[in-house]
Protein backbone atom coordinates (compact mmCIF):
# COMPACT_ATOMS: atom_id res chain seq x y z
CA UNK A 1 7.66 56.52 365.51
CA UNK A 2 9.77 59.36 366.88
CA UNK A 3 7.74 62.08 368.62
CA UNK A 4 7.75 65.39 366.76
CA UNK A 5 8.27 68.13 369.36
CA UNK A 6 8.05 71.88 368.83
CA UNK A 7 9.92 74.09 371.31
CA UNK A 8 9.31 77.82 371.68
CA UNK A 9 12.39 79.84 372.57
CA UNK A 10 10.69 82.08 375.16
CA UNK A 11 11.69 85.57 376.29
CA UNK A 12 14.66 86.58 374.10
CA UNK A 13 16.44 88.41 376.93
CA UNK A 14 16.15 85.42 379.26
CA UNK A 15 17.57 81.91 379.30
CA UNK A 16 15.05 80.43 376.86
CA UNK A 17 17.39 80.79 373.85
CA UNK A 18 20.27 79.41 375.97
CA UNK A 19 18.20 76.36 376.86
CA UNK A 20 17.39 75.71 373.19
CA UNK A 21 21.04 76.03 372.18
CA UNK A 22 22.28 73.75 374.96
CA UNK A 23 19.52 71.22 374.34
CA UNK A 24 20.76 70.91 370.75
CA UNK A 25 23.93 69.26 372.01
CA UNK A 26 22.09 66.49 373.85
CA UNK A 27 21.41 62.95 372.65
CA UNK A 28 17.63 62.88 372.24
CA UNK A 29 15.48 60.20 370.60
CA UNK A 30 12.94 62.71 369.29
CA UNK A 31 12.45 65.09 366.40
CA UNK A 32 13.05 68.60 367.78
CA UNK A 33 12.14 71.91 366.12
CA UNK A 34 12.62 75.31 367.75
CA UNK A 35 10.26 78.18 366.99
CA UNK A 36 12.16 81.44 367.21
CA UNK A 37 14.51 83.92 365.58
CA UNK A 38 17.49 82.15 363.93
CA UNK A 39 19.69 85.22 364.41
CA UNK A 40 18.97 85.20 368.15
CA UNK A 41 19.83 81.52 368.46
CA UNK A 42 23.03 81.96 366.46
CA UNK A 43 24.16 84.92 368.56
CA UNK A 44 23.39 83.10 371.82
CA UNK A 45 25.31 80.03 370.61
CA UNK A 46 28.34 82.23 369.86
CA UNK A 47 28.07 83.87 373.28
CA UNK A 48 27.97 80.46 374.96
CA UNK A 49 30.78 79.07 372.81
CA UNK A 50 28.53 76.36 371.40
CA UNK A 51 29.07 74.98 367.89
CA UNK A 52 25.63 74.85 366.29
CA UNK A 53 24.26 74.22 362.81
CA UNK A 54 20.84 75.78 362.18
CA UNK A 55 18.52 74.32 359.56
CA UNK A 56 15.38 76.31 358.80
CA UNK A 57 12.10 74.44 358.27
CA UNK A 58 8.48 75.30 357.54
CA UNK A 59 5.36 73.92 359.24
CA UNK A 60 4.64 70.48 357.87
CA UNK A 61 8.23 69.76 356.84
CA UNK A 62 9.51 66.33 357.82
CA UNK A 63 12.14 66.85 360.52
CA UNK A 64 14.39 63.84 361.17
CA UNK A 65 15.24 62.56 364.67
CA UNK A 66 17.53 64.90 366.57
CA UNK A 67 21.21 64.99 365.69
CA UNK A 68 23.49 66.53 368.36
CA UNK A 69 24.85 69.88 367.23
CA UNK A 70 22.03 70.45 364.73
CA UNK A 71 18.98 72.58 365.48
CA UNK A 72 15.96 72.73 363.18
CA UNK A 73 14.29 76.14 363.40
CA UNK A 74 10.86 77.31 362.30
CA UNK A 75 11.71 81.02 361.97
CA UNK A 76 9.86 83.87 363.62
CA UNK A 77 11.53 87.29 363.65
CA UNK A 78 12.03 89.58 366.62
CA UNK A 79 10.86 93.16 366.49
CA UNK A 80 14.02 94.53 368.13
CA UNK A 81 17.57 93.50 368.99
CA UNK A 82 18.32 91.71 372.25
CA UNK A 83 20.76 92.26 375.09
CA UNK A 84 20.85 89.24 377.40
CA UNK A 85 19.28 90.17 380.71
CA UNK A 86 17.66 93.39 379.42
CA UNK A 87 13.93 93.27 378.74
CA UNK A 88 12.44 95.15 375.80
CA UNK A 89 8.65 95.50 375.48
CA UNK A 90 9.10 95.85 371.72
CA UNK A 91 9.66 92.08 371.59
CA UNK A 92 6.48 91.18 373.48
CA UNK A 93 4.63 90.67 370.18
CA UNK A 94 7.38 88.33 369.02
CA UNK A 95 7.11 86.23 372.19
CA UNK A 96 3.33 85.93 371.84
CA UNK A 97 3.66 85.13 368.14
CA UNK A 98 5.93 82.17 368.87
CA UNK A 99 3.44 80.75 371.37
CA UNK A 100 0.48 81.29 369.05
CA UNK A 101 2.27 79.80 366.04
CA UNK A 102 3.31 76.84 368.15
CA UNK A 103 -0.21 76.18 369.36
CA UNK A 104 -1.63 76.44 365.85
CA UNK A 105 1.06 74.16 364.42
CA UNK A 106 0.21 71.49 366.99
CA UNK A 107 -3.51 71.92 366.32
CA UNK A 108 -2.76 71.29 362.66
CA UNK A 109 -0.93 68.08 363.70
CA UNK A 110 2.38 69.26 362.25
CA UNK A 111 3.86 68.38 365.66
CA UNK A 112 2.88 65.97 368.43
CA UNK A 113 3.50 68.34 371.34
CA UNK A 114 4.45 71.89 372.27
CA UNK A 115 7.22 72.54 374.83
CA UNK A 116 7.54 76.15 375.98
CA UNK A 117 10.58 77.99 377.32
CA UNK A 118 9.89 80.63 380.00
CA UNK A 119 8.46 84.06 379.23
CA UNK A 120 8.38 87.27 381.28
CA UNK A 121 4.76 88.17 382.03
CA UNK A 122 5.62 91.66 383.27
CA UNK A 123 7.18 92.88 380.02
CA UNK A 124 4.24 91.53 378.01
CA UNK A 125 1.89 93.43 380.32
CA UNK A 126 4.10 96.51 379.96
CA UNK A 127 3.52 96.26 376.21
CA UNK A 128 -0.22 96.67 376.85
CA UNK A 129 -1.27 93.03 376.57
CA UNK A 130 -3.37 91.51 379.36
CA UNK A 131 -1.32 88.31 379.59
CA UNK A 132 -1.66 86.06 382.65
CA UNK A 133 0.41 83.12 381.43
CA UNK A 134 1.01 80.41 378.84
CA UNK A 135 -1.82 78.26 380.19
CA UNK A 136 -4.60 80.74 379.59
CA UNK A 137 -3.12 82.19 376.37
CA UNK A 138 -2.78 78.81 374.68
CA UNK A 139 -6.30 77.80 375.74
CA UNK A 140 -7.70 80.90 374.03
CA UNK A 141 -6.21 79.61 370.77
CA UNK A 142 -6.87 75.90 371.08
CA UNK A 143 -10.07 75.79 373.11
CA UNK A 144 -10.59 73.30 375.89
CA UNK A 145 -10.68 73.67 379.68
CA UNK A 146 -7.07 74.19 380.79
CA UNK A 147 -5.85 72.63 384.02
CA UNK A 148 -2.35 73.45 385.22
CA UNK A 149 -0.38 70.55 386.69
CA UNK A 150 3.23 70.36 387.81
CA UNK A 151 4.97 67.02 388.14
CA UNK A 152 8.24 65.79 389.55
CA UNK A 153 9.44 62.37 390.64
CA UNK A 154 6.87 60.93 393.04
CA UNK A 155 4.50 63.91 393.05
CA UNK A 156 1.94 65.54 390.75
CA UNK A 157 0.00 68.66 391.77
CA UNK A 158 -2.86 70.13 389.71
CA UNK A 159 -4.63 73.42 390.41
CA UNK A 160 -8.26 74.53 390.47
CA UNK A 161 -7.25 78.21 390.10
CA UNK A 162 -3.97 79.46 388.67
CA UNK A 163 -2.76 83.05 388.39
CA UNK A 164 -5.25 84.89 390.57
CA UNK A 165 -4.76 87.32 393.45
CA UNK A 166 -5.43 85.50 396.71
CA UNK A 167 -8.37 87.79 397.45
CA UNK A 168 -10.19 86.41 394.38
CA UNK A 169 -9.60 82.70 394.94
CA UNK A 170 -12.61 81.89 397.11
CA UNK A 171 -15.08 83.45 394.65
CA UNK A 172 -13.45 81.56 391.79
CA UNK A 173 -13.90 78.12 393.38
CA UNK A 174 -17.41 77.34 392.20
CA UNK A 175 -19.09 73.98 391.86
CA UNK A 176 -18.88 74.24 388.08
CA UNK A 177 -15.17 75.08 388.02
CA UNK A 178 -14.28 72.33 390.50
CA UNK A 179 -16.38 69.76 388.62
CA UNK A 180 -14.88 70.58 385.24
CA UNK A 181 -11.36 70.63 386.65
CA UNK A 182 -11.77 67.21 388.26
CA UNK A 183 -13.26 65.73 385.11
CA UNK A 184 -10.35 67.02 383.01
CA UNK A 185 -7.85 65.75 385.57
CA UNK A 186 -9.48 62.32 385.75
CA UNK A 187 -9.73 62.04 381.96
CA UNK A 188 -6.18 63.17 381.14
CA UNK A 189 -4.53 61.07 383.81
CA UNK A 190 -5.99 58.12 381.91
CA UNK A 191 -5.54 59.49 378.39
CA UNK A 192 -2.02 60.87 378.77
CA UNK A 193 -0.54 58.90 381.67
CA UNK A 194 -2.12 55.47 381.43
CA UNK A 195 -3.99 55.61 384.77
CA UNK A 196 -7.54 54.43 384.02
CA UNK A 197 -8.85 55.19 387.54
CA UNK A 198 -6.51 57.77 389.03
CA UNK A 199 -6.45 58.26 392.79
CA UNK A 200 -6.94 61.97 393.45
CA UNK A 201 -6.35 63.70 396.79
CA UNK A 202 -8.25 66.99 397.04
CA UNK A 203 -7.14 69.86 399.26
CA UNK A 204 -9.58 71.93 401.24
CA UNK A 205 -9.47 75.68 400.76
CA UNK A 206 -9.31 76.83 404.37
CA UNK A 207 -6.97 75.97 407.26
CA UNK A 208 -7.80 72.50 408.60
CA UNK A 209 -10.15 72.12 405.60
CA UNK A 210 -12.55 74.53 407.28
CA UNK A 211 -12.63 72.83 410.70
CA UNK A 212 -16.24 71.76 410.23
CA UNK A 213 -17.27 75.23 409.11
CA UNK A 214 -15.57 77.13 411.94
CA UNK A 215 -12.69 78.31 409.71
CA UNK A 216 -14.64 78.80 406.49
CA UNK A 217 -17.59 77.21 404.73
CA UNK A 218 -16.39 76.50 401.20
CA UNK A 219 -15.62 72.88 402.01
CA UNK A 220 -19.21 72.28 403.13
CA UNK A 221 -21.04 74.37 400.54
CA UNK A 222 -18.92 73.71 397.42
CA UNK A 223 -16.16 71.15 397.67
CA UNK A 224 -17.79 68.25 399.54
CA UNK A 225 -20.97 68.19 397.39
CA UNK A 226 -18.90 68.09 394.18
CA UNK A 227 -16.71 65.27 395.46
CA UNK A 228 -19.73 63.26 396.60
CA UNK A 229 -21.41 63.60 393.21
CA UNK A 230 -18.30 62.65 391.25
CA UNK A 231 -17.65 59.65 393.48
CA UNK A 232 -21.08 58.42 392.42
CA UNK A 233 -19.82 58.65 388.82
CA UNK A 234 -16.90 56.38 389.65
CA UNK A 235 -14.04 58.74 390.48
CA UNK A 236 -11.56 57.82 393.22
CA UNK A 237 -11.51 61.04 395.25
CA UNK A 238 -10.27 61.60 398.80
CA UNK A 239 -10.94 64.88 400.57
CA UNK A 240 -11.26 67.67 401.17
CA UNK A 241 -8.11 67.26 403.26
CA UNK A 242 -6.17 69.91 405.20
CA UNK A 243 -3.34 71.07 402.94
CA UNK A 244 -0.85 71.25 405.81
CA UNK A 245 -0.97 67.45 406.32
CA UNK A 246 -2.13 66.18 402.92
CA UNK A 247 1.45 66.15 401.59
CA UNK A 248 2.74 63.74 404.22
CA UNK A 249 4.35 60.64 402.65
CA UNK A 250 1.72 58.25 404.02
CA UNK A 251 -1.01 60.20 402.20
CA UNK A 252 0.91 60.64 398.94
CA UNK A 253 1.65 56.90 398.88
CA UNK A 254 -2.02 56.28 398.13
CA UNK A 255 -2.42 58.93 395.44
CA UNK A 256 -1.59 59.49 391.79
CA UNK A 257 -2.18 63.24 391.85
CA UNK A 258 -3.09 66.04 394.27
CA UNK A 259 -5.60 68.76 393.41
CA UNK A 260 -4.85 72.05 395.18
CA UNK A 261 -7.30 74.92 395.29
CA UNK A 262 -4.82 77.67 394.41
CA UNK A 263 -1.31 78.26 393.10
CA UNK A 264 0.65 78.77 396.31
CA UNK A 265 -1.20 76.06 398.21
CA UNK A 266 0.26 73.21 396.19
CA UNK A 267 3.23 74.40 394.18
CA UNK A 268 5.63 75.37 396.99
CA UNK A 269 5.62 71.76 398.16
CA UNK A 270 6.25 70.42 394.67
CA UNK A 271 8.99 72.91 393.87
CA UNK A 272 10.70 72.22 397.17
CA UNK A 273 10.66 68.53 396.30
CA UNK A 274 11.87 68.84 392.72
CA UNK A 275 12.79 72.35 391.57
CA UNK A 276 14.88 72.20 388.44
CA UNK A 277 13.56 68.72 387.63
CA UNK A 278 9.84 69.43 387.58
CA UNK A 279 7.59 69.87 384.55
CA UNK A 280 4.64 72.22 384.02
CA UNK A 281 1.88 70.42 382.10
CA UNK A 282 -1.34 71.91 380.73
CA UNK A 283 -4.14 69.35 380.77
CA UNK A 284 -7.56 69.75 379.16
CA UNK A 285 -6.35 70.99 375.77
CA UNK A 286 -6.64 69.35 372.32
CA UNK A 287 -2.83 69.58 372.14
CA UNK A 288 -0.05 68.45 374.46
CA UNK A 289 1.82 71.27 376.14
CA UNK A 290 4.61 71.06 378.70
CA UNK A 291 7.05 73.62 380.06
CA UNK A 292 9.86 74.21 382.52
CA UNK A 293 9.27 74.80 386.23
CA UNK A 294 11.26 78.06 386.39
CA UNK A 295 11.32 81.59 385.05
CA UNK A 296 13.45 83.57 382.63
CA UNK A 297 16.47 83.94 384.98
CA UNK A 298 17.52 87.20 383.35
CA UNK A 299 20.68 87.41 385.44
CA UNK A 300 21.90 84.11 384.00
CA UNK A 301 21.12 84.75 380.33
CA UNK A 302 24.21 84.36 378.19
CA UNK A 303 26.41 83.18 381.07
CA UNK A 304 26.23 79.42 380.50
CA UNK A 305 25.58 78.92 384.23
CA UNK A 306 22.22 77.27 383.80
CA UNK A 307 20.77 73.81 384.27
CA UNK A 308 18.81 72.28 381.39
CA UNK A 309 17.29 69.59 383.64
CA UNK A 310 13.74 70.94 383.73
CA UNK A 311 13.65 71.49 379.96
CA UNK A 312 14.94 67.98 379.33
CA UNK A 313 12.22 66.63 381.63
CA UNK A 314 9.59 68.74 379.84
CA UNK A 315 10.73 67.30 376.50
CA UNK A 316 10.73 63.74 377.84
CA UNK A 317 7.27 64.06 379.41
CA UNK A 318 5.84 65.64 376.24
CA UNK A 319 7.14 62.72 374.19
CA UNK A 320 5.74 60.18 376.67
CA UNK A 321 2.34 61.89 376.66
CA UNK A 322 2.31 61.87 372.85
CA UNK A 323 3.14 58.17 372.87
CA UNK A 324 0.38 57.47 375.42
CA UNK A 325 -2.16 59.34 373.30
CA UNK A 326 -1.14 57.39 370.23
CA UNK A 327 -1.63 54.16 372.18
CA UNK A 328 -5.12 55.19 373.29
CA UNK A 329 -6.10 56.15 369.74
CA UNK A 330 -4.71 52.89 368.43
């Protein structure tokens, strides 16, 4: 059975529409539908010099396996015209509508997975919407306990906290949050990646993982008690480990995934290792959601000078996760 994937087209002024148009020319063994404005996709295809046939579909329609040069589109209309590279807050509602429609369509089982092109948080905030990112927005619609994980060849990094100012991170790392995050991570590594007892390396929060309490006490008061309790439940957890040495090859060789305490503790290492080939995955949801590892690249929109590698990886991983879930259910 071919995986049915739904792809949002992202910020209209960025490279999201370009990615969708260029992806249409690839040989892909999946059913692909794009959620966006057909007029935008047509205009971007003309700008890029890409020959493209658009076929409009409705939620629940049977979409055949992908045919190069053909793009099935579930239409959503922009609120304003688009100049590549020029943001317009009038289209913020359109961007959010595509994400919301995509999440609901996957909840309704019209599609097996949602793959999201990049959006521009700042212009959505400028439109008066308190938007912190795809991860949190989709979770508000679908429910669940979202855990952000990025993956590239040989490395997976999940996060306890995501888009928070650094000054708020310590307060946010509570025993409850860490416990729920680890349980989601453990469950979904088995459910979506076929790892029944995943080996998880856990970062400390402070330099040197607190240096026995001399450089901060969160490891002693929060992290270590949670890890000890979950080990008793059968989880394979190592840590808390100093983040500056955890990512050495000898440590990663004995791990399936790393859990970092905050965004910029774990993701710089992963993006250095695989930027442009990494995938952003939201665990802990009733739907599968993956995304690219990069932003809207406004300066490249409409130029054709972009790499579709991360999107192709996001599509491939979404399809593999859908297949793994089907195998578990079977």
